[in-house]
Amino acid sequence: MQGSLAAAKQQTEILKANDEQASANVAGLTAQAAHNKQRLADIETPASVAQAGRRSAKLAPDSEIDGVNTAVVA
């Protein structure tokens, strides 16, 4: 009986340690996900600005006001 009690106590400690490790893993992965989300936002913002500039540059040669090509006037 005493052997079973000791084994149960040992198993309880193992399970507690496993729970602590799993909690630490979750915390670490949550922090990584937040960091990666911010990095993605940091990368997407300049890319969006660059794409908008590219669209503007493509449209500029075709821009007309009252039938006059504004690229020529500028």
C-alpha atoms as a PDB file:
ATOM      1  CA  MET A   1       0.000   0.000   0.000  1.00  0.00           C
ATOM      2  CA  GLN A   2       2.766   2.407   0.905  1.00  0.00           C
ATOM      3  CA  GLY A   3       4.493   1.630  -2.391  1.00  0.00           C
ATOM      4  CA  SER A   4       1.326   2.532  -4.296  1.00  0.00           C
ATOM      5  CA  LEU A   5       1.035   5.799  -2.388  1.00  0.00           C
ATOM      6  CA  ALA A   6       4.643   6.705  -3.192  1.00  0.00           C
ATOM      7  CA  ALA A   7       4.107   5.860  -6.867  1.00  0.00           C
ATOM      8  CA  ALA A   8       0.962   7.980  -6.951  1.00  0.00           C
ATOM      9  CA  LYS A   9       2.787  10.924  -5.366  1.00  0.00           C
ATOM     10  CA  GLN A  10       5.622  10.565  -7.864  1.00  0.00           C
ATOM     11  CA  GLN A  11       3.155  10.407 -10.748  1.00  0.00           C
ATOM     12  CA  THR A  12       1.449  13.546  -9.418  1.00  0.00           C
ATOM     13  CA  GLU A  13       4.763  15.405  -9.418  1.00  0.00           C
ATOM     14  CA  ILE A  14       5.473  14.234 -12.967  1.00  0.00           C
ATOM     15  CA  LEU A  15       2.055  15.421 -14.120  1.00  0.00           C
ATOM     16  CA  LYS A  16       2.570  18.802 -12.429  1.00  0.00           C
ATOM     17  CA  ALA A  17       5.932  19.186 -14.169  1.00  0.00           C
ATOM     18  CA  ASN A  18       4.371  18.224 -17.505  1.00  0.00           C
ATOM     19  CA  ASP A  19       1.629  20.802 -16.950  1.00  0.00           C
ATOM     20  CA  GLU A  20       4.179  23.520 -16.149  1.00  0.00           C
ATOM     21  CA  GLN A  21       6.166  22.646 -19.268  1.00  0.00           C
ATOM     22  CA  ALA A  22       3.052  22.707 -21.445  1.00  0.00           C
ATOM     23  CA  SER A  23       2.044  26.074 -19.977  1.00  0.00           C
ATOM     24  CA  ALA A  24       5.506  27.454 -20.708  1.00  0.00           C
ATOM     25  CA  ASN A  25       5.272  26.146 -24.284  1.00  0.00           C
ATOM     26  CA  VAL A  26       1.899  27.838 -24.756  1.00  0.00           C
ATOM     27  CA  ALA A  27       3.238  31.122 -23.384  1.00  0.00           C
ATOM     28  CA  GLY A  28       6.287  30.954 -25.641  1.00  0.00           C
ATOM     29  CA  LEU A  29       4.262  30.134 -28.744  1.00  0.00           C
ATOM     30  CA  THR A  30       1.761  32.880 -27.948  1.00  0.00           C
ATOM     31  CA  ALA A  31       4.603  35.400 -27.684  1.00  0.00           C
ATOM     32  CA  GLN A  32       6.096  34.157 -30.965  1.00  0.00           C
ATOM     33  CA  ALA A  33       2.735  34.450 -32.710  1.00  0.00           C
ATOM     34  CA  ALA A  34       2.295  38.020 -31.481  1.00  0.00           C
ATOM     35  CA  HIS A  35       5.819  38.916 -32.621  1.00  0.00           C
ATOM     36  CA  ASN A  36       5.292  37.313 -36.030  1.00  0.00           C
ATOM     37  CA  LYS A  37       1.958  39.104 -36.444  1.00  0.00           C
ATOM     38  CA  GLN A  38       3.670  42.446 -35.781  1.00  0.00           C
ATOM     39  CA  ARG A  39       6.522  41.608 -38.160  1.00  0.00           C
ATOM     40  CA  LEU A  40       4.019  40.738 -40.884  1.00  0.00           C
ATOM     41  CA  ALA A  41       2.236  44.056 -40.358  1.00  0.00           C
ATOM     42  CA  ASP A  42       5.600  45.857 -40.514  1.00  0.00           C
ATOM     43  CA  ILE A  43       6.399  44.133 -43.800  1.00  0.00           C
ATOM     44  CA  GLU A  44       2.959  44.558 -45.381  1.00  0.00           C
ATOM     45  CA  THR A  45       2.732  48.315 -44.789  1.00  0.00           C
ATOM     46  CA  PRO A  46       5.721  49.336 -46.959  1.00  0.00           C
ATOM     47  CA  ALA A  47       4.709  46.726 -49.543  1.00  0.00           C
ATOM     48  CA  SER A  48       1.230  48.251 -49.777  1.00  0.00           C
ATOM     49  CA  VAL A  49       2.701  51.740 -50.160  1.00  0.00           C
ATOM     50  CA  ALA A  50       5.044  50.483 -52.867  1.00  0.00           C
ATOM     51  CA  GLN A  51       2.179  48.805 -54.722  1.00  0.00           C
ATOM     52  CA  ALA A  52       0.110  51.995 -54.558  1.00  0.00           C
ATOM     53  CA  GLY A  53       3.051  53.960 -55.972  1.00  0.00           C
ATOM     54  CA  ARG A  54       3.449  51.423 -58.741  1.00  0.00           C
ATOM     55  CA  ARG A  55      -0.247  51.677 -59.661  1.00  0.00           C
ATOM     56  CA  SER A  56       0.021  55.466 -59.668  1.00  0.00           C
ATOM     57  CA  ALA A  57       3.107  55.336 -61.892  1.00  0.00           C
ATOM     58  CA  LYS A  58       1.329  53.022 -64.338  1.00  0.00           C
ATOM     59  CA  LEU A  59      -1.678  55.330 -64.529  1.00  0.00           C
ATOM     60  CA  ALA A  60       0.291  58.582 -64.893  1.00  0.00           C
ATOM     61  CA  PRO A  61       1.008  58.285 -68.642  1.00  0.00           C
ATOM     62  CA  ASP A  62      -2.705  57.805 -69.332  1.00  0.00           C
ATOM     63  CA  SER A  63      -3.839  60.710 -67.156  1.00  0.00           C
ATOM     64  CA  GLU A  64      -5.753  63.404 -69.028  1.00  0.00           C
ATOM     65  CA  ILE A  65      -7.487  66.596 -68.005  1.00  0.00           C
ATOM     66  CA  ASP A  66      -9.740  68.140 -70.660  1.00  0.00           C
ATOM     67  CA  GLY A  67      -8.116  65.916 -73.256  1.00  0.00           C
ATOM     68  CA  VAL A  68      -4.577  67.019 -72.400  1.00  0.00           C
ATOM     69  CA  ASN A  69      -2.090  64.389 -71.202  1.00  0.00           C
ATOM     70  CA  THR A  70      -0.915  65.654 -67.817  1.00  0.00           C
ATOM     71  CA  ALA A  71       2.384  63.775 -68.122  1.00  0.00           C
ATOM     72  CA  VAL A  72       3.268  65.955 -71.101  1.00  0.00           C
ATOM     73  CA  VAL A  73       2.267  69.219 -69.377  1.00  0.00           C
ATOM     74  CA  ALA A  74       4.316  68.498 -66.257  1.00  0.00           C
END
